[in-house]
Amino acid sequence: MTDHVVIPEEYGGARADAGLAGILGVSRSVAASLLADGHVLNRGKALGKSAKLVTGDTLEVTVPERRDPLEVVEEAVEGLNILLDDDDFVVVDKPVGVAAHPSPGWVGPTVVGGLAAAGYRISTSGAPERAGIVHRLDVGTSGVMVVAKSERAYTALKRAFKERTVDKVYHAVVQGLPDPLTGTIDAPIGRHPGHDWRFAVIEDGRPSVTHYEVLEAFGKASLVEVHLETGRTHQIRVHFSALRHPCAGDLTYGADPRLAATLGLTRQWLHARQLAFDHPVTGERVTVSSEYPQDLAYALEVLESGQA
């Protein structure tokens, strides 16, 4: 959209970014971005942000259209493999760096968009950007995830996750050796009081229960199997960080960057290994597993070789 803006007398002599902000009713940073990107012309030439405005001049201001952050963008997602395709649901192997659905602040690929690009028509229940989504995996977590294709599956699977009849099994490599080797972490989780994007074990948090078992110990780190009783955001990462055994590579929650570098990790070693649930129509138990992706498999090989 392009507008022609005449500089009123009160803004004559003002810096372009400050004056344009006042004229357009936007923040100074937005005005500066428009200027920096060449979207403000004066007599056909781009106006610099530190230029002085002249009363009576006519500026040609083009405001680029911005995509709705909740719009589902249909685009092929590399590594989004189909593990099980049923009439009522589809189970995918979500790669790292892919969100479950669109959200404010996220401009990358999504499971919803990837399925749409692949020709899948999923349930329309729920908010449009979350159509078919009955549970989520973090952007930085890979592994098995189920998406509802039919309305009946959406209803049944949402209820199953809410009633905790779904078995969610994760594998994680955590620093050190948890003691005891098999245990339960029962600690409430809520927003970190000092960091909006992080979570922490806090007294008035939501009830959160994690069951774990050490599968293999490597000295500097251990491979653990995790069964989630609840499904809080960052639950596994927060709980093991609270035990002082953060997931390897998880720098957000206190992991050692030196070990991450040795293992070639650019994200936390955490993988949704298996999902088991009752079929939404037949009631038969469905179990689907996902293999480790290349980066996690490599890190495990380094640990097994004793090179870490």
Protein backbone atom coordinates (compact mmCIF):
# COMPACT_ATOMS: atom_id res chain seq x y z
CA MET A 1 0.00 0.00 0.00
CA THR A 2 1.44 3.39 -1.04
CA ASP A 3 0.41 6.73 0.47
CA HIS A 4 1.41 10.27 -0.42
CA VAL A 5 2.17 12.22 2.75
CA VAL A 6 2.52 15.99 2.80
CA ILE A 7 4.86 17.25 5.55
CA PRO A 8 2.88 19.56 7.85
CA GLU A 9 4.49 22.70 9.24
CA GLU A 10 5.00 21.31 12.77
CA TYR A 11 7.29 18.57 11.42
CA GLY A 12 9.38 20.81 9.21
CA GLY A 13 13.05 20.49 10.19
CA ALA A 14 12.49 17.22 12.14
CA ARG A 15 14.64 14.14 11.55
CA ALA A 16 12.95 11.88 9.04
CA ASP A 17 12.56 8.91 11.40
CA ALA A 18 11.16 10.99 14.27
CA GLY A 19 8.91 13.12 12.06
CA LEU A 20 7.58 10.18 10.04
CA ALA A 21 6.76 8.33 13.25
CA GLY A 22 4.63 11.25 14.39
CA ILE A 23 2.92 11.74 11.05
CA LEU A 24 2.09 8.07 10.52
CA GLY A 25 1.35 7.32 14.18
CA VAL A 26 3.88 4.49 14.37
CA SER A 27 6.91 3.86 16.58
CA ARG A 28 10.21 5.47 15.68
CA SER A 29 11.77 2.04 15.07
CA VAL A 30 9.04 1.16 12.55
CA ALA A 31 9.55 4.49 10.79
CA ALA A 32 13.32 3.90 10.75
CA SER A 33 12.79 0.46 9.19
CA LEU A 34 10.62 1.92 6.44
CA LEU A 35 13.32 4.47 5.69
CA ALA A 36 16.17 1.96 5.84
CA ASP A 37 14.37 -0.41 3.47
CA GLY A 38 13.84 2.36 0.91
CA HIS A 39 10.08 2.53 1.35
CA VAL A 40 10.03 6.34 1.73
CA LEU A 41 10.74 8.40 -1.38
CA ASN A 42 11.14 12.16 -1.75
CA ARG A 43 11.08 13.32 -5.39
CA GLY A 44 11.77 9.74 -6.47
CA LYS A 45 14.80 9.21 -4.22
CA ALA A 46 14.99 7.17 -1.02
CA LEU A 47 14.96 9.35 2.07
CA GLY A 48 17.56 8.68 4.77
CA LYS A 49 16.47 8.38 8.39
CA SER A 50 18.64 11.32 9.51
CA ALA A 51 17.50 13.62 6.69
CA LYS A 52 15.56 16.74 7.66
CA LEU A 53 11.91 16.97 6.67
CA VAL A 54 10.83 20.04 4.71
CA THR A 55 7.40 21.58 5.21
CA GLY A 56 5.21 21.07 2.16
CA ASP A 57 7.24 18.25 0.63
CA THR A 58 5.25 15.23 -0.50
CA LEU A 59 6.67 11.83 0.51
CA GLU A 60 5.75 8.61 -1.22
CA VAL A 61 5.45 6.04 1.58
CA THR A 62 5.01 2.36 0.78
CA VAL A 63 3.98 0.17 3.70
CA PRO A 64 4.71 -3.45 2.76
CA GLU A 65 2.00 -5.98 3.50
CA ARG A 66 2.93 -8.14 6.44
CA ARG A 67 1.85 -11.74 6.63
CA ASP A 68 -0.55 -12.64 9.41
CA PRO A 69 1.63 -14.53 11.94
CA LEU A 70 -1.18 -17.07 12.37
CA GLU A 71 -1.59 -17.72 8.64
CA VAL A 72 -0.88 -21.32 7.63
CA VAL A 73 1.76 -21.20 4.90
CA GLU A 74 1.67 -24.30 2.72
CA GLU A 75 5.29 -25.24 2.11
CA ALA A 76 7.13 -28.54 1.86
CA VAL A 77 9.08 -29.35 5.01
CA GLU A 78 12.28 -31.30 4.54
CA GLY A 79 12.50 -34.28 6.86
CA LEU A 80 8.79 -34.27 7.79
CA ASN A 81 8.30 -38.00 7.22
CA ILE A 82 5.02 -39.88 7.53
CA LEU A 83 5.28 -42.76 10.02
CA LEU A 84 1.63 -43.87 9.88
CA ASP A 85 -1.21 -42.70 7.65
CA ASP A 86 -4.70 -43.62 8.86
CA ASP A 87 -8.12 -42.47 7.67
CA ASP A 88 -8.56 -40.57 10.94
CA PHE A 89 -5.05 -39.38 11.80
CA VAL A 90 -1.50 -39.11 10.53
CA VAL A 91 1.62 -39.72 12.61
CA VAL A 92 4.67 -37.72 11.53
CA ASP A 93 8.35 -37.68 12.36
CA LYS A 94 8.87 -33.99 13.17
CA PRO A 95 12.35 -32.69 12.41
CA VAL A 96 14.14 -30.15 14.57
CA GLY A 97 13.53 -26.51 13.61
CA VAL A 98 9.87 -27.07 12.76
CA ALA A 99 6.98 -25.75 14.88
CA ALA A 100 3.73 -27.66 15.32
CA HIS A 101 1.65 -24.71 14.08
CA PRO A 102 1.96 -20.97 13.30
CA SER A 103 2.28 -18.58 16.22
CA PRO A 104 3.26 -14.93 16.78
CA GLY A 105 7.03 -14.52 16.51
CA TRP A 106 7.58 -17.73 14.52
CA VAL A 107 8.23 -17.39 10.77
CA GLY A 108 9.71 -20.82 10.08
CA PRO A 109 8.16 -24.05 8.77
CA THR A 110 5.30 -25.80 10.57
CA VAL A 111 3.86 -29.30 10.70
CA VAL A 112 0.43 -27.93 9.71
CA GLY A 113 1.89 -26.14 6.68
CA GLY A 114 4.01 -29.13 5.68
CA LEU A 115 1.06 -31.51 5.77
CA ALA A 116 -1.06 -29.07 3.77
CA ALA A 117 1.67 -28.82 1.13
CA ALA A 118 1.80 -32.63 0.96
CA GLY A 119 -1.92 -32.74 0.21
CA TYR A 120 -3.20 -33.77 3.62
CA ARG A 121 -6.55 -32.39 4.70
CA ILE A 122 -6.63 -32.41 8.46
CA SER A 123 -9.33 -31.72 11.05
CA THR A 124 -10.75 -28.20 11.08
CA SER A 125 -11.56 -28.29 14.79
CA GLY A 126 -9.91 -25.72 17.02
CA ALA A 127 -8.32 -22.43 15.97
CA PRO A 128 -7.58 -22.30 12.20
CA GLU A 129 -3.80 -22.16 12.71
CA ARG A 130 -3.93 -25.19 15.01
CA ALA A 131 -6.26 -27.33 12.91
CA GLY A 132 -5.72 -30.99 13.71
CA ILE A 133 -3.11 -30.33 16.39
CA VAL A 134 -3.86 -32.39 19.50
CA HIS A 135 -0.42 -32.04 21.12
CA ARG A 136 2.85 -30.27 20.39
CA LEU A 137 6.59 -30.77 20.33
CA ASP A 138 8.98 -27.85 20.89
CA VAL A 139 10.67 -26.40 17.80
CA GLY A 140 13.99 -27.73 19.12
CA THR A 141 12.67 -31.24 19.82
CA SER A 142 12.37 -33.90 17.13
CA GLY A 143 10.31 -37.06 16.99
CA VAL A 144 6.91 -38.69 16.75
CA MET A 145 3.77 -36.55 16.70
CA VAL A 146 0.13 -37.36 15.84
CA VAL A 147 -2.21 -35.00 13.95
CA ALA A 148 -5.97 -35.54 13.62
CA LYS A 149 -7.43 -35.78 10.12
CA SER A 150 -11.09 -36.27 11.07
CA GLU A 151 -13.26 -34.39 13.52
CA ARG A 152 -13.98 -37.56 15.51
CA ALA A 153 -10.26 -38.23 15.83
CA TYR A 154 -9.61 -34.67 16.97
CA THR A 155 -12.18 -34.97 19.74
CA ALA A 156 -11.03 -38.43 20.87
CA LEU A 157 -7.30 -37.65 20.79
CA LYS A 158 -7.68 -34.32 22.59
CA ARG A 159 -9.58 -36.15 25.32
CA ALA A 160 -6.94 -38.89 25.47
CA PHE A 161 -4.12 -36.40 25.99
CA LYS A 162 -6.16 -34.52 28.59
CA GLU A 163 -6.99 -37.71 30.47
CA ARG A 164 -3.37 -38.90 30.19
CA THR A 165 -4.15 -42.20 28.50
CA VAL A 166 -1.48 -41.53 25.86
CA ASP A 167 1.97 -43.00 26.55
CA LYS A 168 4.62 -40.45 25.63
CA VAL A 169 8.15 -41.86 25.63
CA TYR A 170 11.19 -39.64 25.13
CA HIS A 171 14.89 -40.39 24.99
CA ALA A 172 17.33 -37.80 26.28
CA VAL A 173 21.05 -37.55 26.82
CA VAL A 174 21.61 -35.72 30.09
CA GLN A 175 24.88 -34.56 31.61
CA GLY A 176 26.37 -36.71 34.34
CA LEU A 177 24.63 -39.70 35.92
CA PRO A 178 21.24 -39.22 37.61
CA ASP A 179 20.96 -40.77 41.08
CA PRO A 180 18.91 -42.91 41.53
CA LEU A 181 19.14 -44.61 38.12
CA THR A 182 15.35 -44.96 38.04
CA GLY A 183 13.11 -42.34 39.56
CA THR A 184 10.28 -39.84 39.41
CA ILE A 185 10.61 -36.07 39.32
CA ASP A 186 7.51 -34.50 40.85
CA ALA A 187 8.02 -30.74 40.83
CA PRO A 188 5.69 -27.90 39.73
CA ILE A 189 6.69 -25.88 36.65
CA GLY A 190 5.87 -22.30 35.75
CA ARG A 191 7.28 -19.28 33.95
CA HIS A 192 10.76 -18.35 35.09
CA PRO A 193 10.40 -15.21 37.24
CA GLY A 194 13.29 -13.50 35.48
CA HIS A 195 13.02 -14.76 31.89
CA ASP A 196 9.74 -14.83 29.93
CA TRP A 197 10.99 -17.40 27.41
CA ARG A 198 12.17 -19.87 30.05
CA PHE A 199 10.41 -22.08 32.57
CA ALA A 200 11.48 -23.23 36.01
CA VAL A 201 10.52 -25.33 39.00
CA ILE A 202 8.58 -22.88 41.15
CA GLU A 203 6.38 -23.31 44.21
CA ASP A 204 3.14 -22.10 42.63
CA GLY A 205 3.73 -23.74 39.23
CA ARG A 206 1.53 -26.34 37.55
CA PRO A 207 1.83 -29.96 38.74
CA SER A 208 4.44 -31.75 36.62
CA VAL A 209 5.53 -35.39 36.86
CA THR A 210 8.38 -37.04 34.93
CA HIS A 211 9.40 -40.71 35.23
CA TYR A 212 12.86 -41.73 34.02
CA GLU A 213 15.23 -44.67 33.74
CA VAL A 214 18.92 -44.56 32.85
CA LEU A 215 19.49 -46.81 29.81
CA GLU A 216 23.22 -46.31 29.43
CA ALA A 217 25.92 -44.34 31.28
CA PHE A 218 28.91 -42.83 29.48
CA GLY A 219 30.65 -40.96 32.29
CA LYS A 220 30.12 -37.37 31.20
CA ALA A 221 26.55 -38.07 30.13
CA SER A 222 23.78 -40.67 30.28
CA LEU A 223 21.08 -41.87 27.90
CA VAL A 224 17.74 -41.89 29.73
CA GLU A 225 14.26 -43.00 28.80
CA VAL A 226 11.55 -40.64 29.97
CA HIS A 227 7.82 -41.25 30.41
CA LEU A 228 5.77 -38.08 30.81
CA GLU A 229 2.78 -38.20 33.12
CA THR A 230 2.03 -34.52 32.43
CA GLY A 231 2.93 -32.44 29.40
CA ARG A 232 4.19 -29.01 30.45
CA THR A 233 6.20 -26.78 28.15
CA HIS A 234 9.92 -27.68 28.39
CA GLN A 235 9.05 -30.21 31.12
CA ILE A 236 11.90 -32.67 30.56
CA ARG A 237 14.44 -29.90 30.05
CA VAL A 238 13.35 -28.04 33.19
CA HIS A 239 13.15 -31.11 35.42
CA PHE A 240 16.58 -32.46 34.53
CA SER A 241 18.09 -29.00 34.77
CA ALA A 242 16.63 -28.74 38.28
CA LEU A 243 18.42 -32.02 39.11
CA ARG A 244 21.67 -30.47 37.79
CA HIS A 245 21.64 -32.93 34.91
CA PRO A 246 20.54 -30.73 31.98
CA CYS A 247 20.03 -32.22 28.55
CA ALA A 248 23.30 -32.19 26.64
CA GLY A 249 23.39 -29.21 24.28
CA ASP A 250 20.60 -27.37 26.11
CA LEU A 251 22.44 -24.09 26.73
CA THR A 252 19.16 -22.37 27.70
CA TYR A 253 18.92 -24.60 30.78
CA GLY A 254 22.54 -24.73 31.89
CA ALA A 255 24.24 -27.33 29.69
CA ASP A 256 28.03 -27.23 29.28
CA PRO A 257 28.83 -25.61 25.90
CA ARG A 258 32.14 -27.52 25.74
CA LEU A 259 30.37 -30.89 25.83
CA ALA A 260 27.84 -29.65 23.26
CA ALA A 261 30.71 -28.71 20.93
CA THR A 262 32.40 -32.09 21.42
CA LEU A 263 29.16 -33.88 20.56
CA GLY A 264 28.45 -31.60 17.61
CA LEU A 265 25.15 -30.47 19.14
CA THR A 266 23.43 -27.23 18.20
CA ARG A 267 20.30 -28.08 20.22
CA GLN A 268 19.27 -30.18 23.19
CA TRP A 269 19.64 -33.96 22.89
CA LEU A 270 15.94 -34.75 23.27
CA HIS A 271 13.81 -36.93 21.03
CA ALA A 272 10.16 -38.02 21.15
CA ARG A 273 10.88 -41.72 20.72
CA GLN A 274 7.45 -43.34 20.91
CA LEU A 275 3.76 -42.53 21.11
CA ALA A 276 1.03 -45.02 22.05
CA PHE A 277 -2.70 -44.26 22.08
CA ASP A 278 -6.08 -45.90 21.54
CA HIS A 279 -7.32 -45.69 17.97
CA PRO A 280 -10.06 -43.01 18.00
CA VAL A 281 -12.50 -45.31 16.15
CA THR A 282 -11.59 -48.97 16.74
CA GLY A 283 -10.14 -48.55 20.23
CA GLU A 284 -7.14 -50.73 19.35
CA ARG A 285 -3.81 -49.62 20.82
CA VAL A 286 -1.60 -47.86 18.29
CA THR A 287 2.15 -47.60 18.93
CA VAL A 288 4.50 -45.64 16.67
CA SER A 289 8.25 -45.13 17.12
CA SER A 290 10.77 -42.74 15.62
CA GLU A 291 14.48 -43.35 14.99
CA TYR A 292 17.12 -40.87 16.16
CA PRO A 293 17.86 -38.15 13.59
CA GLN A 294 21.38 -37.77 12.26
CA ASP A 295 22.63 -35.12 14.70
CA LEU A 296 21.49 -37.02 17.79
CA ALA A 297 22.77 -40.35 16.46
CA TYR A 298 26.20 -38.80 15.83
CA ALA A 299 26.38 -37.38 19.36
CA LEU A 300 25.50 -40.79 20.79
CA GLU A 301 28.22 -42.44 18.69
CA VAL A 302 30.80 -40.00 20.08
CA LEU A 303 29.74 -40.87 23.63
CA GLU A 304 29.78 -44.61 22.93
CA SER A 305 33.26 -44.36 21.44
CA GLY A 306 34.57 -42.72 24.61
CA GLN A 307 35.83 -39.65 22.70
CA ALA A 308 33.75 -37.18 24.73
